[in-house]
N, C-alpha and C. Protein backbone atom coordinates (compact mmCIF):
# COMPACT_ATOMS: atom_id res chain seq x y z
N UNK A 1 4.04 22.25 25.78
CA UNK A 1 4.51 21.54 26.89
C UNK A 1 5.36 20.08 26.65
N UNK A 2 5.85 19.59 27.43
CA UNK A 2 6.28 18.21 26.84
C UNK A 2 5.15 17.14 26.79
N UNK A 3 5.51 15.99 26.13
CA UNK A 3 4.51 14.85 26.18
C UNK A 3 3.81 14.54 27.62
N UNK A 4 2.54 14.54 27.59
CA UNK A 4 1.80 14.33 28.90
C UNK A 4 2.20 12.96 29.26
N UNK A 5 2.23 12.81 30.46
CA UNK A 5 2.61 11.41 31.17
C UNK A 5 1.49 11.15 32.53
N UNK A 6 0.42 12.16 32.62
CA UNK A 6 -0.78 12.12 33.53
C UNK A 6 -1.83 12.35 32.94
N UNK A 7 -2.97 12.17 33.84
CA UNK A 7 -4.29 12.59 33.26
C UNK A 7 -4.77 13.79 34.37
N UNK A 8 -5.16 14.86 33.83
CA UNK A 8 -5.74 15.99 34.55
C UNK A 8 -7.34 16.11 34.68
N UNK A 9 -8.09 16.08 35.93
CA UNK A 9 -9.17 16.22 36.03
C UNK A 9 -9.40 17.38 36.85
N UNK A 10 -10.41 18.21 36.23
CA UNK A 10 -10.62 19.45 36.75
C UNK A 10 -12.16 19.31 37.62
N UNK A 11 -12.04 19.79 38.53
CA UNK A 11 -13.21 19.90 39.28
C UNK A 11 -13.59 21.20 40.25
N UNK A 12 -14.79 21.97 39.43
CA UNK A 12 -15.07 23.34 39.70
C UNK A 12 -16.51 23.26 40.22
N UNK A 13 -17.01 24.46 40.83
CA UNK A 13 -18.09 24.52 41.48
C UNK A 13 -17.91 25.73 42.57
N UNK A 14 -19.19 26.16 43.07
CA UNK A 14 -19.22 27.07 43.88
C UNK A 14 -18.41 26.88 45.15
N UNK A 15 -18.23 27.84 45.98
CA UNK A 15 -17.78 27.62 47.18
C UNK A 15 -18.72 26.78 47.95
N UNK A 16 -17.97 25.99 48.79
CA UNK A 16 -18.84 24.87 49.61
C UNK A 16 -19.70 23.88 49.01
N UNK A 17 -19.43 23.68 47.61
CA UNK A 17 -20.33 22.89 46.74
C UNK A 17 -19.93 21.41 47.14
N UNK A 18 -18.84 21.00 47.50
CA UNK A 18 -18.44 19.79 47.78
C UNK A 18 -17.38 19.20 46.79
N UNK A 19 -16.63 20.12 46.41
CA UNK A 19 -15.47 19.75 45.37
C UNK A 19 -14.33 18.90 45.83
N UNK A 20 -14.18 19.22 47.36
CA UNK A 20 -13.27 18.31 47.72
C UNK A 20 -13.62 16.90 48.23
N UNK A 21 -14.75 16.78 48.58
CA UNK A 21 -15.37 15.37 48.76
C UNK A 21 -15.19 14.61 47.48
N UNK A 22 -15.58 15.38 46.51
CA UNK A 22 -15.66 14.49 45.05
C UNK A 22 -14.04 14.15 44.94
N UNK A 23 -13.06 14.93 45.10
CA UNK A 23 -11.65 14.66 44.90
C UNK A 23 -11.24 13.49 45.97
N UNK A 24 -11.78 13.62 47.13
CA UNK A 24 -11.49 12.47 48.04
C UNK A 24 -12.05 11.29 47.84
N UNK A 25 -13.21 11.03 47.16
CA UNK A 25 -13.96 9.90 46.79
C UNK A 25 -13.16 9.42 45.60
N UNK A 26 -12.80 10.14 44.68
CA UNK A 26 -12.03 9.70 43.44
C UNK A 26 -10.80 8.83 44.04
N UNK A 27 -9.99 9.61 44.87
CA UNK A 27 -8.74 9.23 45.52
C UNK A 27 -9.14 7.84 46.17
N UNK A 28 -10.07 7.99 46.98
CA UNK A 28 -10.21 6.42 47.51
C UNK A 28 -10.58 5.37 46.63
N UNK A 29 -11.20 5.61 45.41
CA UNK A 29 -11.46 4.68 44.40
C UNK A 29 -10.49 4.21 43.88
N UNK A 30 -9.35 4.98 43.40
CA UNK A 30 -8.48 4.73 42.56
C UNK A 30 -6.96 4.51 43.47
N UNK A 31 -6.96 4.90 44.49
CA UNK A 31 -5.94 4.70 45.43
C UNK A 31 -4.81 5.98 45.48
N UNK A 32 -4.57 6.29 46.79
CA UNK A 32 -3.78 7.43 46.73
C UNK A 32 -2.39 7.54 46.30
N UNK A 33 -1.80 6.30 45.95
CA UNK A 33 -0.58 6.12 45.42
C UNK A 33 -0.58 6.79 43.92
N UNK A 34 -1.73 6.52 43.19
CA UNK A 34 -1.77 7.19 41.94
C UNK A 34 -2.34 8.58 41.62
N UNK A 35 -2.91 8.92 42.79
CA UNK A 35 -3.77 10.45 42.49
C UNK A 35 -3.20 11.37 43.65
N UNK A 36 -3.15 12.69 43.09
CA UNK A 36 -2.52 13.69 43.90
C UNK A 36 -3.61 14.75 43.63
N UNK A 37 -3.93 15.67 44.59
CA UNK A 37 -5.20 16.78 44.34
C UNK A 37 -4.10 18.01 44.72
N UNK A 38 -4.40 18.74 43.60
CA UNK A 38 -3.90 20.36 43.52
C UNK A 38 -5.09 21.23 43.87
N UNK A 39 -4.70 22.04 44.99
CA UNK A 39 -5.99 23.06 45.25
C UNK A 39 -5.63 24.42 44.62
N UNK A 40 -6.67 24.99 43.84
CA UNK A 40 -6.33 26.23 43.35
C UNK A 40 -6.19 27.34 44.46
N UNK A 41 -6.89 27.08 45.51
CA UNK A 41 -6.55 28.06 46.56
C UNK A 41 -5.32 28.15 47.30
N UNK A 42 -4.35 27.28 46.74
CA UNK A 42 -2.88 27.56 47.01
C UNK A 42 -2.24 28.72 46.28
N UNK A 43 -2.96 28.99 45.10
CA UNK A 43 -2.25 30.01 44.28
C UNK A 43 -2.88 31.25 44.06
N UNK A 44 -3.33 31.63 45.29
CA UNK A 44 -3.57 33.16 45.58
C UNK A 44 -2.46 33.88 45.52
N UNK A 45 -2.50 35.13 45.21
CA UNK A 45 -1.31 36.09 44.73
C UNK A 45 -0.82 36.45 46.43
N UNK A 46 0.40 36.59 46.63
CA UNK A 46 0.89 36.93 47.77
C UNK A 46 0.69 38.48 48.01
N UNK A 47 0.18 38.69 49.13
CA UNK A 47 -0.35 40.27 49.45
C UNK A 47 0.22 40.57 50.68
N UNK A 48 1.41 40.32 51.09
CA UNK A 48 2.25 40.42 52.01
C UNK A 48 2.91 42.00 52.07
N UNK A 49 2.91 42.53 50.92
CA UNK A 49 3.27 43.88 50.87
C UNK A 49 2.10 44.95 50.99
N UNK A 50 0.87 44.29 51.40
CA UNK A 50 -0.09 45.11 51.92
C UNK A 50 -0.37 45.07 53.32
N UNK A 51 -0.98 46.28 53.93
CA UNK A 51 -1.16 46.27 55.27
C UNK A 51 -2.51 45.16 55.54
N UNK A 52 -2.43 44.49 56.78
CA UNK A 52 -3.35 43.35 56.94
C UNK A 52 -4.79 43.81 56.70
N UNK A 53 -5.26 45.07 57.09
CA UNK A 53 -6.56 45.47 56.84
C UNK A 53 -6.67 45.55 55.34
N UNK A 54 -5.90 46.17 54.63
CA UNK A 54 -5.92 46.13 53.04
C UNK A 54 -6.06 44.72 52.55
N UNK A 55 -5.36 43.77 52.86
CA UNK A 55 -5.41 42.37 52.38
C UNK A 55 -6.87 41.85 52.50
N UNK A 56 -7.48 42.11 53.69
CA UNK A 56 -8.79 41.40 54.01
C UNK A 56 -9.94 41.86 53.10
N UNK A 57 -9.53 43.40 52.37
CA UNK A 57 -10.56 43.77 51.57
C UNK A 57 -10.50 43.44 50.19
N UNK A 58 -9.54 42.56 50.06
CA UNK A 58 -9.29 42.31 48.40
C UNK A 58 -10.67 41.03 47.94
N UNK A 59 -10.88 41.25 46.63
CA UNK A 59 -11.87 40.52 46.28
C UNK A 59 -10.93 38.86 45.86
N UNK A 60 -11.18 37.98 46.73
CA UNK A 60 -10.51 36.61 46.46
C UNK A 60 -11.35 35.78 45.61
N UNK A 61 -12.53 36.43 45.09
CA UNK A 61 -13.07 35.40 44.21
C UNK A 61 -13.12 35.72 42.75
N UNK A 62 -12.33 36.91 42.43
CA UNK A 62 -12.21 37.30 41.27
C UNK A 62 -11.03 36.63 40.49
N UNK A 63 -11.03 36.30 39.17
CA UNK A 63 -9.78 35.43 38.56
C UNK A 63 -8.54 36.16 38.88
N UNK A 64 -8.53 37.61 39.06
CA UNK A 64 -7.41 38.36 39.23
C UNK A 64 -6.61 38.12 40.55
N UNK A 65 -7.46 37.51 41.53
CA UNK A 65 -6.64 37.28 42.73
C UNK A 65 -5.84 36.05 42.69
N UNK A 66 -5.71 35.21 41.59
CA UNK A 66 -4.83 34.17 41.48
C UNK A 66 -3.76 34.28 40.82
N UNK A 67 -2.83 33.49 41.03
CA UNK A 67 -1.36 33.73 40.09
C UNK A 67 -1.58 32.54 39.17
N UNK A 68 -2.30 32.69 38.14
CA UNK A 68 -2.65 31.81 37.09
C UNK A 68 -1.49 31.43 36.30
N UNK A 69 -0.44 31.94 36.02
CA UNK A 69 0.69 31.64 35.46
C UNK A 69 1.44 30.78 36.19
N UNK A 70 1.63 30.83 37.44
CA UNK A 70 2.41 29.74 38.23
C UNK A 70 1.51 28.44 38.37
N UNK A 71 0.24 28.77 38.38
CA UNK A 71 -0.72 27.39 38.42
C UNK A 71 -0.64 26.61 37.10
N UNK A 72 -0.77 27.43 36.17
CA UNK A 72 -0.64 26.65 34.67
C UNK A 72 0.78 26.00 34.69
N UNK A 73 1.82 26.81 35.03
CA UNK A 73 3.24 26.32 34.77
C UNK A 73 3.41 24.72 35.74
N UNK A 74 2.85 24.83 36.96
CA UNK A 74 2.75 23.74 37.88
C UNK A 74 2.07 22.71 37.09
N UNK A 75 0.73 22.67 36.59
CA UNK A 75 0.03 21.78 36.23
C UNK A 75 0.82 20.97 34.97
N UNK A 76 1.46 21.98 34.32
CA UNK A 76 2.12 21.37 32.97
C UNK A 76 3.22 20.59 33.42
N UNK A 77 4.05 21.00 34.45
CA UNK A 77 5.10 20.07 34.95
C UNK A 77 4.49 18.86 35.71
N UNK A 78 3.51 18.93 36.40
CA UNK A 78 2.96 17.58 37.00
C UNK A 78 2.55 16.70 35.84
N UNK A 79 1.87 17.15 34.70
CA UNK A 79 1.50 16.43 33.68
C UNK A 79 2.72 15.78 32.91
N UNK A 80 3.88 16.36 33.10
CA UNK A 80 4.88 15.97 32.30
C UNK A 80 5.97 14.93 33.18
N UNK A 81 5.35 14.67 34.54
CA UNK A 81 5.97 13.83 35.09
C UNK A 81 6.85 14.43 36.37
N UNK A 82 6.98 15.64 36.59
CA UNK A 82 8.00 16.29 37.30
C UNK A 82 7.30 16.60 38.77
N UNK A 83 8.23 16.82 39.66
CA UNK A 83 7.90 17.23 41.10
C UNK A 83 7.72 18.93 41.18
N UNK A 84 6.72 19.48 41.82
CA UNK A 84 6.65 20.93 41.80
C UNK A 84 6.60 21.25 43.43
N UNK A 85 6.81 22.59 43.74
CA UNK A 85 6.80 22.84 44.96
C UNK A 85 5.64 23.89 45.03
N UNK A 86 4.43 23.42 45.83
CA UNK A 86 3.12 24.13 45.80
C UNK A 86 3.19 24.97 47.02
N UNK A 87 3.01 26.42 46.75
CA UNK A 87 2.87 27.36 47.81
C UNK A 87 1.82 26.99 48.72
N UNK A 88 2.33 27.45 49.95
CA UNK A 88 1.37 27.07 51.02
C UNK A 88 0.74 28.58 51.66
N UNK A 89 -0.51 28.60 51.25
CA UNK A 89 -1.09 29.97 51.45
C UNK A 89 -1.70 30.08 53.08
N UNK A 90 -1.59 31.38 53.72
CA UNK A 90 -1.94 31.59 55.04
C UNK A 90 -3.20 32.35 55.02
N UNK A 91 -4.29 31.82 55.00
CA UNK A 91 -5.71 32.34 54.92
C UNK A 91 -6.03 33.48 56.08
N UNK A 92 -5.36 33.29 57.20
CA UNK A 92 -5.71 34.18 58.29
C UNK A 92 -4.92 35.40 58.20
N UNK A 93 -3.74 35.49 57.35
CA UNK A 93 -2.97 36.65 57.10
C UNK A 93 -3.06 37.05 55.75
N UNK A 94 -3.65 36.26 54.76
CA UNK A 94 -3.96 36.45 53.49
C UNK A 94 -2.58 36.75 52.80
N UNK A 95 -1.62 35.90 52.91
CA UNK A 95 -0.30 35.97 52.32
C UNK A 95 0.19 34.46 52.23
N UNK A 96 1.39 34.53 51.57
CA UNK A 96 2.03 32.99 51.28
C UNK A 96 3.00 32.79 52.33
N UNK A 97 2.92 31.53 52.76
CA UNK A 97 3.79 31.13 53.81
C UNK A 97 5.36 31.04 53.16
N UNK A 98 6.43 31.17 53.71
CA UNK A 98 7.67 30.81 53.43
C UNK A 98 7.86 29.27 52.95
N UNK A 99 6.97 28.53 53.56
CA UNK A 99 7.03 27.00 53.32
C UNK A 99 6.40 26.79 51.88
N UNK A 100 6.79 25.54 51.36
CA UNK A 100 6.11 25.07 50.08
C UNK A 100 5.72 23.56 50.46
N UNK A 101 5.14 22.67 49.50
CA UNK A 101 4.74 21.53 49.66
C UNK A 101 5.11 20.79 48.49
N UNK A 102 6.14 19.74 48.39
CA UNK A 102 6.38 19.01 47.26
C UNK A 102 5.19 17.97 46.79
N UNK A 103 4.90 18.28 45.37
CA UNK A 103 3.71 17.20 45.19
C UNK A 103 4.37 16.65 43.71
N UNK A 104 4.01 15.33 43.64
CA UNK A 104 4.36 14.65 42.32
C UNK A 104 5.77 13.77 42.71
N UNK A 105 5.70 12.95 41.55
CA UNK A 105 4.85 12.72 40.26
C UNK A 105 3.76 11.67 40.69
N UNK A 106 2.71 11.89 39.95
CA UNK A 106 1.42 10.97 40.03
C UNK A 106 1.03 10.77 38.53
N UNK A 107 0.09 9.71 38.36
CA UNK A 107 -0.47 9.48 37.11
C UNK A 107 -1.51 10.18 36.79
N UNK A 108 -2.39 10.50 38.04
CA UNK A 108 -3.67 11.23 38.08
C UNK A 108 -3.56 12.47 38.90
N UNK A 109 -3.98 13.67 38.39
CA UNK A 109 -3.93 14.85 38.97
C UNK A 109 -5.37 15.51 39.12
N UNK A 110 -5.89 15.77 40.27
CA UNK A 110 -7.05 16.44 40.35
C UNK A 110 -6.75 17.84 40.67
N UNK A 111 -7.32 18.79 39.89
CA UNK A 111 -7.34 20.29 40.19
C UNK A 111 -8.57 20.64 40.42
N UNK A 112 -8.86 21.01 41.87
CA UNK A 112 -10.11 21.52 42.13
C UNK A 112 -10.01 22.90 42.78
N UNK A 113 -11.07 23.83 42.54
CA UNK A 113 -11.04 25.10 42.86
C UNK A 113 -12.37 25.70 42.14
N UNK A 114 -13.05 26.91 42.73
CA UNK A 114 -14.04 27.51 42.15
C UNK A 114 -13.78 28.02 40.52
N UNK A 115 -12.43 28.30 40.20
CA UNK A 115 -12.57 29.00 38.83
C UNK A 115 -11.72 28.14 38.00
N UNK A 116 -11.51 26.93 38.19
CA UNK A 116 -10.52 26.03 37.32
C UNK A 116 -11.20 25.83 35.95
N UNK A 117 -12.56 25.81 35.91
CA UNK A 117 -13.26 25.93 34.57
C UNK A 117 -13.42 27.25 33.89
N UNK A 118 -13.16 28.27 34.49
CA UNK A 118 -13.02 29.48 33.92
C UNK A 118 -11.83 29.79 33.01
N UNK A 119 -10.75 29.17 33.56
CA UNK A 119 -9.53 29.57 32.84
C UNK A 119 -9.17 28.75 31.76
N UNK A 120 -9.32 29.07 30.54
CA UNK A 120 -9.14 28.52 29.20
C UNK A 120 -7.80 27.53 29.08
N UNK A 121 -6.78 28.19 29.69
CA UNK A 121 -5.50 27.45 29.60
C UNK A 121 -5.52 26.29 30.19
N UNK A 122 -6.12 26.01 31.52
CA UNK A 122 -6.39 25.14 32.33
C UNK A 122 -7.30 24.02 31.69
N UNK A 123 -8.44 24.58 31.15
CA UNK A 123 -9.50 23.73 30.39
C UNK A 123 -8.69 23.06 29.29
N UNK A 124 -7.84 23.36 28.53
CA UNK A 124 -7.37 22.92 27.38
C UNK A 124 -6.44 21.66 27.92
N UNK A 125 -5.83 21.72 29.11
CA UNK A 125 -5.06 20.45 29.57
C UNK A 125 -5.78 19.47 30.41
N UNK A 126 -7.00 19.61 30.48
CA UNK A 126 -7.98 18.70 31.08
C UNK A 126 -8.45 17.63 30.27
N UNK A 127 -8.34 16.29 30.87
CA UNK A 127 -8.97 15.12 30.26
C UNK A 127 -10.27 14.97 30.72
N UNK A 128 -10.62 15.47 31.89
CA UNK A 128 -12.17 15.58 32.17
C UNK A 128 -12.56 16.66 33.01
N UNK A 129 -13.64 17.36 32.72
CA UNK A 129 -14.04 18.50 33.21
C UNK A 129 -15.30 18.39 34.08
N UNK A 130 -15.39 18.59 35.50
CA UNK A 130 -16.41 18.50 36.27
C UNK A 130 -16.83 19.65 37.02
N UNK A 131 -18.25 19.57 37.17
CA UNK A 131 -18.88 20.88 37.97
C UNK A 131 -19.71 20.40 38.90
N UNK A 132 -19.40 20.75 40.14
CA UNK A 132 -20.36 20.24 41.17
C UNK A 132 -21.38 21.10 41.65
N UNK A 133 -22.54 20.89 41.45
CA UNK A 133 -23.75 21.65 41.49
C UNK A 133 -24.43 21.38 42.93
N UNK A 134 -24.53 22.51 43.60
CA UNK A 134 -25.09 22.41 45.09
C UNK A 134 -25.94 23.79 45.24
N UNK A 135 -27.14 23.53 45.91
CA UNK A 135 -28.09 24.71 46.32
C UNK A 135 -27.09 25.62 47.13
N UNK A 136 -27.30 27.07 46.69
CA UNK A 136 -26.70 28.21 47.29
C UNK A 136 -26.80 27.95 48.79
N UNK A 137 -27.89 27.87 49.56
CA UNK A 137 -27.97 27.97 50.91
C UNK A 137 -26.98 26.85 51.62
N UNK A 138 -26.96 25.63 51.03
CA UNK A 138 -26.09 24.78 51.59
C UNK A 138 -24.78 25.02 51.54
N UNK A 139 -24.30 25.63 50.19
CA UNK A 139 -22.81 26.38 50.00
C UNK A 139 -22.65 27.32 51.08
N UNK A 140 -23.53 28.09 51.37
CA UNK A 140 -23.18 29.18 52.36
C UNK A 140 -22.99 28.77 53.64
N UNK A 141 -23.81 27.94 54.04
CA UNK A 141 -23.69 27.26 55.49
C UNK A 141 -22.28 26.42 55.63
N UNK A 142 -21.80 25.69 54.81
CA UNK A 142 -20.57 24.94 54.65
C UNK A 142 -19.50 26.14 54.71
N UNK A 143 -19.49 27.17 53.91
CA UNK A 143 -18.40 28.11 53.87
C UNK A 143 -18.33 28.74 55.15
N UNK A 144 -19.73 29.20 55.69
CA UNK A 144 -19.55 29.87 57.12
C UNK A 144 -18.84 28.99 58.18
N UNK A 145 -19.03 27.61 58.19
CA UNK A 145 -18.61 26.92 59.13
C UNK A 145 -17.08 26.55 59.04
N UNK A 146 -16.83 26.51 57.58
CA UNK A 146 -15.40 26.45 57.22
C UNK A 146 -14.54 27.55 57.77
N UNK A 147 -14.90 28.62 57.27
CA UNK A 147 -14.01 29.89 57.44
C UNK A 147 -13.94 30.19 58.89
N UNK A 148 -15.04 29.92 59.89
CA UNK A 148 -15.07 30.24 61.21
C UNK A 148 -13.97 29.40 61.77
N UNK A 149 -14.07 28.03 61.48
CA UNK A 149 -13.29 26.79 62.25
C UNK A 149 -11.89 26.80 61.65
N UNK A 150 -11.75 26.84 60.58
CA UNK A 150 -10.60 26.61 59.77
C UNK A 150 -9.67 27.89 59.46
N UNK A 151 -10.31 29.07 59.29
CA UNK A 151 -9.61 30.07 58.77
C UNK A 151 -9.52 31.41 59.54
N UNK A 152 -10.13 31.06 60.95
CA UNK A 152 -10.18 32.30 62.01
C UNK A 152 -10.92 33.26 61.46
N UNK A 153 -11.98 33.44 60.89
CA UNK A 153 -12.84 34.34 60.43
C UNK A 153 -13.93 34.52 61.55
N UNK A 154 -14.36 35.68 61.56
CA UNK A 154 -15.75 35.91 62.34
C UNK A 154 -17.00 35.74 61.55
N UNK A 155 -18.04 35.63 62.19
CA UNK A 155 -19.56 35.64 61.65
C UNK A 155 -19.49 36.77 60.64
N UNK A 156 -19.50 37.86 61.20
CA UNK A 156 -19.79 39.27 60.51
C UNK A 156 -18.82 39.30 59.41
N UNK A 157 -17.62 38.81 59.38
CA UNK A 157 -16.70 39.13 58.39
C UNK A 157 -17.04 38.09 57.29
N UNK A 158 -17.32 36.87 57.45
CA UNK A 158 -17.79 35.74 56.36
C UNK A 158 -19.01 36.32 55.70
N UNK A 159 -20.02 36.67 56.50
CA UNK A 159 -21.39 37.25 55.93
C UNK A 159 -21.05 38.45 54.77
N UNK A 160 -20.28 39.12 55.29
CA UNK A 160 -20.09 40.47 54.55
C UNK A 160 -19.41 40.17 53.30
N UNK A 161 -18.21 39.43 53.37
CA UNK A 161 -17.55 38.93 52.10
C UNK A 161 -18.52 38.00 51.33
N UNK A 162 -19.29 37.21 51.83
CA UNK A 162 -20.16 36.25 50.79
C UNK A 162 -21.16 37.45 49.96
N UNK A 163 -21.60 38.40 50.85
CA UNK A 163 -22.56 39.41 50.09
C UNK A 163 -21.84 40.39 49.06
N UNK A 164 -20.76 40.91 49.61
CA UNK A 164 -19.93 41.83 48.90
C UNK A 164 -19.41 41.01 47.46
N UNK A 165 -18.62 40.05 47.88
CA UNK A 165 -17.83 39.54 46.70
C UNK A 165 -18.42 38.11 46.34
N UNK A 166 -18.44 37.26 47.03
CA UNK A 166 -18.58 35.90 46.94
C UNK A 166 -19.63 35.61 46.02
N UNK A 167 -20.83 36.08 46.62
CA UNK A 167 -22.02 35.76 45.38
C UNK A 167 -21.89 36.31 44.21
N UNK A 168 -21.79 37.78 44.09
CA UNK A 168 -21.51 38.44 42.92
C UNK A 168 -20.58 37.68 41.97
N UNK A 169 -19.37 37.34 42.52
CA UNK A 169 -18.44 36.56 41.41
C UNK A 169 -18.85 35.20 41.36
N UNK A 170 -19.55 34.62 42.05
CA UNK A 170 -20.04 33.13 41.53
C UNK A 170 -21.15 33.48 40.35
N UNK A 171 -21.85 34.49 40.60
CA UNK A 171 -22.78 34.68 39.47
C UNK A 171 -22.18 34.97 38.05
N UNK A 172 -21.00 35.83 38.31
CA UNK A 172 -20.41 36.50 37.28
C UNK A 172 -19.27 35.38 36.41
N UNK A 173 -18.58 34.44 37.34
CA UNK A 173 -17.57 33.75 36.83
C UNK A 173 -17.71 32.28 36.96
N UNK A 174 -18.23 32.03 38.13
CA UNK A 174 -18.38 30.54 38.74
C UNK A 174 -19.31 29.79 37.70
N UNK A 175 -20.43 30.12 38.16
CA UNK A 175 -21.58 29.46 37.28
C UNK A 175 -21.64 29.34 36.04
N UNK A 176 -21.24 30.43 35.39
CA UNK A 176 -21.05 30.30 33.74
C UNK A 176 -20.15 29.42 33.38
N UNK A 177 -19.23 28.92 34.21
CA UNK A 177 -18.18 28.04 33.62
C UNK A 177 -18.79 26.49 33.75
N UNK A 178 -19.95 26.54 34.06
CA UNK A 178 -20.77 25.32 34.23
C UNK A 178 -20.85 24.73 32.89
N UNK A 179 -20.88 25.72 31.79
CA UNK A 179 -21.15 25.03 30.41
C UNK A 179 -20.09 24.30 29.79
N UNK A 180 -18.90 24.38 30.35
CA UNK A 180 -17.53 23.97 30.02
C UNK A 180 -17.62 22.74 30.48
N UNK A 181 -18.36 22.15 31.51
CA UNK A 181 -18.17 20.72 32.07
C UNK A 181 -18.57 19.72 31.32
N UNK A 182 -17.74 18.56 31.28
CA UNK A 182 -18.08 17.33 30.60
C UNK A 182 -19.32 16.61 31.47
N UNK A 183 -19.41 16.72 32.71
CA UNK A 183 -20.29 16.16 33.74
C UNK A 183 -20.58 17.04 34.73
N UNK A 184 -22.07 17.15 35.02
CA UNK A 184 -22.24 17.75 36.14
C UNK A 184 -22.69 17.07 37.22
N UNK A 185 -22.24 17.31 38.51
CA UNK A 185 -22.58 16.40 39.54
C UNK A 185 -23.24 17.01 40.60
N UNK A 186 -24.63 16.77 40.63
CA UNK A 186 -25.47 17.17 41.86
C UNK A 186 -25.01 16.52 43.20
N UNK A 187 -25.08 17.08 44.22
CA UNK A 187 -24.68 16.46 45.52
C UNK A 187 -23.34 16.11 45.71
N UNK A 188 -22.44 16.49 44.91
CA UNK A 188 -20.92 16.26 45.16
C UNK A 188 -20.68 14.70 45.40
N UNK A 189 -19.72 14.76 46.37
CA UNK A 189 -19.27 13.24 46.62
C UNK A 189 -20.45 12.21 47.09
N UNK A 190 -21.55 12.60 47.57
CA UNK A 190 -22.52 11.88 48.10
C UNK A 190 -23.40 11.21 46.67
N UNK A 191 -23.15 11.82 45.47
CA UNK A 191 -23.99 11.24 44.31
C UNK A 191 -23.02 9.99 43.98
N UNK A 192 -23.52 8.73 44.38
CA UNK A 192 -22.77 7.61 44.17
C UNK A 192 -22.62 7.31 42.59
N UNK A 193 -23.78 7.49 41.95
CA UNK A 193 -23.73 7.12 40.39
C UNK A 193 -22.83 8.01 39.63
N UNK A 194 -22.78 9.25 39.81
CA UNK A 194 -21.57 10.27 39.42
C UNK A 194 -20.13 9.75 39.66
N UNK A 195 -19.90 9.56 40.89
CA UNK A 195 -18.51 8.71 41.41
C UNK A 195 -18.42 7.66 40.53
N UNK A 196 -19.09 6.57 40.61
CA UNK A 196 -19.03 5.26 39.75
C UNK A 196 -18.72 5.85 38.15
N UNK A 197 -19.36 6.59 37.71
CA UNK A 197 -19.15 7.08 36.41
C UNK A 197 -17.81 7.55 36.27
N UNK A 198 -17.39 8.42 37.05
CA UNK A 198 -15.94 9.12 36.84
C UNK A 198 -14.98 8.02 37.22
N UNK A 199 -15.02 7.29 38.18
CA UNK A 199 -13.99 6.52 38.29
C UNK A 199 -13.80 5.35 37.10
N UNK A 200 -14.89 4.78 36.58
CA UNK A 200 -14.83 4.00 35.47
C UNK A 200 -14.23 4.76 34.35
N UNK A 201 -14.57 5.78 34.27
CA UNK A 201 -13.88 6.71 32.91
C UNK A 201 -12.44 6.87 33.06
N UNK A 202 -12.00 7.17 34.51
CA UNK A 202 -10.58 7.29 34.58
C UNK A 202 -9.95 5.95 34.21
N UNK A 203 -10.26 4.98 34.95
CA UNK A 203 -9.73 3.60 34.64
C UNK A 203 -9.66 3.43 32.99
N UNK A 204 -10.70 3.72 32.33
CA UNK A 204 -10.61 3.57 30.96
C UNK A 204 -9.57 4.34 30.28
N UNK A 205 -9.40 5.49 30.68
CA UNK A 205 -8.38 6.35 30.22
C UNK A 205 -6.97 5.77 30.57
N UNK A 206 -6.74 5.38 31.74
CA UNK A 206 -5.55 4.91 31.85
C UNK A 206 -5.11 3.64 31.07
N UNK A 207 -6.24 2.86 31.10
CA UNK A 207 -5.94 1.51 30.24
C UNK A 207 -5.75 1.83 28.67
N UNK A 208 -6.37 2.86 28.17
CA UNK A 208 -6.06 3.11 26.83
C UNK A 208 -4.65 3.63 26.77
N UNK A 209 -4.23 4.51 27.85
CA UNK A 209 -2.86 5.35 27.52
C UNK A 209 -1.80 4.15 27.62
N UNK A 210 -2.18 3.55 28.62
CA UNK A 210 -1.11 2.18 28.71
C UNK A 210 -1.04 1.35 27.62
N UNK A 211 -2.20 1.10 26.84
CA UNK A 211 -2.11 0.20 25.58
C UNK A 211 -1.38 0.99 24.49
N UNK A 212 -1.34 2.21 24.38
CA UNK A 212 -0.99 3.12 23.19
C UNK A 212 0.60 3.39 23.69
N UNK A 213 1.11 3.20 24.89
CA UNK A 213 2.30 3.82 25.36
C UNK A 213 2.47 5.00 25.39
N UNK A 214 1.46 5.85 25.36
CA UNK A 214 1.61 7.36 25.38
C UNK A 214 0.35 7.93 26.37
N UNK A 215 0.73 9.33 26.61
CA UNK A 215 -0.30 9.95 27.53
C UNK A 215 -0.97 11.04 26.75
N UNK A 216 -1.13 11.14 25.42
CA UNK A 216 -1.69 11.98 24.62
C UNK A 216 -3.29 12.04 25.12
N UNK A 217 -3.85 13.27 24.94
CA UNK A 217 -5.35 13.08 25.41
C UNK A 217 -6.25 12.57 24.21
N UNK A 218 -7.19 11.71 24.57
CA UNK A 218 -8.10 11.14 23.58
C UNK A 218 -9.41 11.77 23.64
N UNK A 219 -10.24 11.64 22.78
CA UNK A 219 -11.66 12.42 22.87
C UNK A 219 -12.28 11.78 23.88
N UNK A 220 -13.20 12.66 24.60
CA UNK A 220 -13.98 12.08 25.59
C UNK A 220 -15.45 12.05 25.32
N UNK A 221 -16.09 11.08 26.02
CA UNK A 221 -17.52 10.82 25.90
C UNK A 221 -18.10 10.80 26.99
N UNK A 222 -18.09 11.68 27.76
CA UNK A 222 -18.76 11.59 29.09
C UNK A 222 -20.16 12.41 29.18
N UNK A 223 -21.10 11.77 29.18
CA UNK A 223 -22.32 12.38 29.28
C UNK A 223 -22.75 13.08 30.65
N UNK A 224 -23.40 14.19 30.86
CA UNK A 224 -23.56 14.96 32.24
C UNK A 224 -24.60 14.07 32.88
N UNK A 225 -24.41 14.08 34.04
CA UNK A 225 -25.44 13.35 35.12
C UNK A 225 -26.33 14.30 35.65
N UNK A 226 -27.48 14.40 35.45
CA UNK A 226 -28.45 15.54 36.02
C UNK A 226 -29.46 15.05 36.96
């Protein structure tokens, strides 16, 4: 890929762990003019070729459900200082909208999603890798409320999906990706110490890049907060 002009921060963790809040806190601390958030959920494969009933039966927590090639391509373009057109995914219909959303350029790109640390190609692009660690019961309640309020799901469908695919895929793919993290954040965005460490580290990376006049990735020395 071309020379990096941006910093990539990956935020992973189970469904409902608080990844979005961590991203929002970083954005608040560093300023939204410099930071953009890219959500892995925007890159689900389009299922419009399937009947609606068949779409709902798909395993959305497996890596194969994601258009990883497009996601990697877009991340590389953002890091090179380009503007991308992010897909808009319709979670009620399980397909991509005809609309897209323009993103970039920004100095700091936050990529958040349950599987962002599972993908080796994405990990190799990251300057800081974060795993948000939250108790399973809290994560389930948060997902239940979100899917009913924001995604038009029923209580029964959320529970069935959680038991059939979400929990097994978390144990198989998401939880093991914790070992790739530079820093593990308990309690998500409510962990003030972790947020302070992260924002301090990001500011230090920016300062060093500006001094060198380059955006090549330096060695990281972030210690996990447990």
